[in-house]
Every structure is written in C-alpha cells, then in structure tokens.
Protein backbone atom coordinates (compact mmCIF):
# COMPACT_ATOMS: atom_id res chain seq x y z
CA UNK A 1 -2.78 -48.93 -33.66
CA UNK A 2 -5.72 -48.00 -35.66
CA UNK A 3 -6.50 -44.39 -36.44
CA UNK A 4 -9.89 -44.75 -34.74
CA UNK A 5 -8.21 -44.82 -31.34
CA UNK A 6 -5.87 -41.89 -31.93
CA UNK A 7 -8.34 -39.13 -30.89
CA UNK A 8 -9.34 -41.12 -27.80
CA UNK A 9 -5.71 -41.65 -26.84
CA UNK A 10 -5.02 -37.92 -27.15
CA UNK A 11 -8.07 -37.14 -25.02
CA UNK A 12 -6.96 -39.67 -22.40
CA UNK A 13 -3.44 -38.21 -22.36
CA UNK A 14 -4.83 -34.67 -21.99
CA UNK A 15 -7.07 -35.85 -19.16
CA UNK A 16 -4.12 -37.45 -17.34
CA UNK A 17 -2.02 -34.31 -17.78
CA UNK A 18 -4.89 -32.20 -16.41
CA UNK A 19 -5.30 -34.48 -13.37
CA UNK A 20 -1.58 -34.41 -12.63
CA UNK A 21 -1.52 -30.62 -13.01
CA UNK A 22 -4.44 -30.23 -10.60
CA UNK A 23 -2.69 -32.41 -8.00
CA UNK A 24 0.61 -30.57 -8.34
CA UNK A 25 -1.01 -27.14 -8.06
CA UNK A 26 -3.18 -28.37 -5.18
CA UNK A 27 -0.02 -28.97 -3.12
CA UNK A 28 0.50 -25.20 -2.97
CA UNK A 29 -3.05 -24.36 -1.86
CA UNK A 30 -3.65 -23.15 1.67
CA UNK A 31 -5.99 -25.45 3.58
CA UNK A 32 -9.36 -23.94 4.53
CA UNK A 33 -8.68 -23.78 8.30
CA UNK A 34 -5.46 -21.83 7.86
CA UNK A 35 -7.14 -19.02 5.91
CA UNK A 36 -8.47 -17.61 9.17
CA UNK A 37 -5.05 -17.91 10.77
CA UNK A 38 -3.44 -16.17 7.82
CA UNK A 39 -6.03 -13.39 7.99
CA UNK A 40 -5.33 -12.89 11.71
CA UNK A 41 -1.57 -12.94 11.09
CA UNK A 42 -1.94 -10.33 8.35
CA UNK A 43 -3.96 -8.13 10.72
CA UNK A 44 -1.26 -8.40 13.40
CA UNK A 45 1.43 -7.53 10.87
CA UNK A 46 -0.59 -4.55 9.70
CA UNK A 47 -0.87 -3.32 13.30
CA UNK A 48 2.89 -3.68 13.72
CA UNK A 49 3.51 -1.73 10.52
CA UNK A 50 1.23 1.06 11.70
CA UNK A 51 3.15 1.12 15.00
CA UNK A 52 6.43 1.37 13.12
CA UNK A 53 5.15 4.35 11.19
CA UNK A 54 4.37 6.12 14.46
CA UNK A 55 7.76 5.18 15.90
CA UNK A 56 9.51 6.35 12.72
CA UNK A 57 7.68 9.69 12.88
CA UNK A 58 8.71 10.10 16.53
CA UNK A 59 12.32 9.27 15.68
CA UNK A 60 12.26 11.78 12.82
CA UNK A 61 10.92 14.51 15.13
CA UNK A 62 13.66 13.69 17.64
CA UNK A 63 16.35 13.91 14.95
CA UNK A 64 14.95 17.25 13.81
CA UNK A 65 14.90 18.61 17.36
CA UNK A 66 18.52 17.46 17.81
CA UNK A 67 19.43 19.29 14.60
CA UNK A 68 17.68 22.43 15.88
CA UNK A 69 19.55 22.22 19.18
CA UNK A 70 22.84 22.02 17.32
CA UNK A 71 21.91 25.03 15.20
CA UNK A 72 20.90 27.00 18.30
CA UNK A 73 24.22 26.14 19.98
CA UNK A 74 26.40 27.99 17.47
CA UNK A 75 28.71 29.32 20.16
CA UNK A 76 29.88 25.79 20.97
CA UNK A 77 28.84 26.05 24.62
CA UNK A 78 31.24 28.91 25.42
CA UNK A 79 28.50 31.14 26.81
CA UNK A 80 27.56 28.53 29.41
CA UNK A 81 31.20 27.84 30.21
CA UNK A 82 31.91 31.56 30.61
CA UNK A 83 28.91 31.94 32.92
CA UNK A 84 30.44 29.33 35.24
CA UNK A 85 33.78 31.16 35.49
CA UNK A 86 34.67 33.43 38.36
CA UNK A 87 34.90 37.19 37.83
CA UNK A 88 38.70 37.08 37.70
CA UNK A 89 38.69 34.26 35.18
CA UNK A 90 36.16 36.14 33.05
CA UNK A 91 38.42 39.21 32.97
CA UNK A 92 41.42 37.07 32.02
CA UNK A 93 39.42 35.38 29.28
CA UNK A 94 38.20 38.73 27.91
CA UNK A 95 41.78 40.04 27.81
CA UNK A 96 43.15 36.92 26.14
CA UNK A 97 40.41 36.67 23.49
CA UNK A 98 40.35 39.60 21.12
CA UNK A 99 38.41 40.02 17.86
CA UNK A 100 40.38 39.73 14.64
C-alpha cells in the first residue's frame, strides 16, 4: 500500500469502530414508548416504599408499646393471679410467702 492511503484507512477503521460501538450501545437503550411505562412503574414503587415507611413506623410503635407493657408488668402477673384467688387461698399464700 502506498502511504497516501494510510490516513484514509485509519479514518475508515475509526468510522467502522464508531458505527459498531453505536449499534452495541444502542442495544441497551430503552425504547421511547417504554419510558412512560418505566416512569409509571417508578411512581408505583415510590408509593409502595412510602407505604412501607408508614408500616415500619407502626410496627416500631407496636414493639415499643410491647416493651412498655413488659416493663409495667414487673410483678410477673402475680397481682392479677392473687386477685383471682379466694380469701382462704390468699391467706395461705401470704403465710407461705415471706420476705427475705
């Protein structure tokens, strides 16, 4: 080959590489009609995420209220159980349980 053609060959090769690159990258593009669908899908997902935040906050409040109930019930339920006993059983319990 003559040296006159060398720059033109390089330009042609670069052009072919650029065309191939454009086609390869174009395969990953989202078609124009699906952009609206993707936007709607993203909106629906965002609404679900916001709903999860509300549900998570409600679950957290419920866990905290359960923790508070456990802290309030330090006697282990003995007060309620004693209230359900008869007078005789209460006297027997008082005699059998003495402070240390």
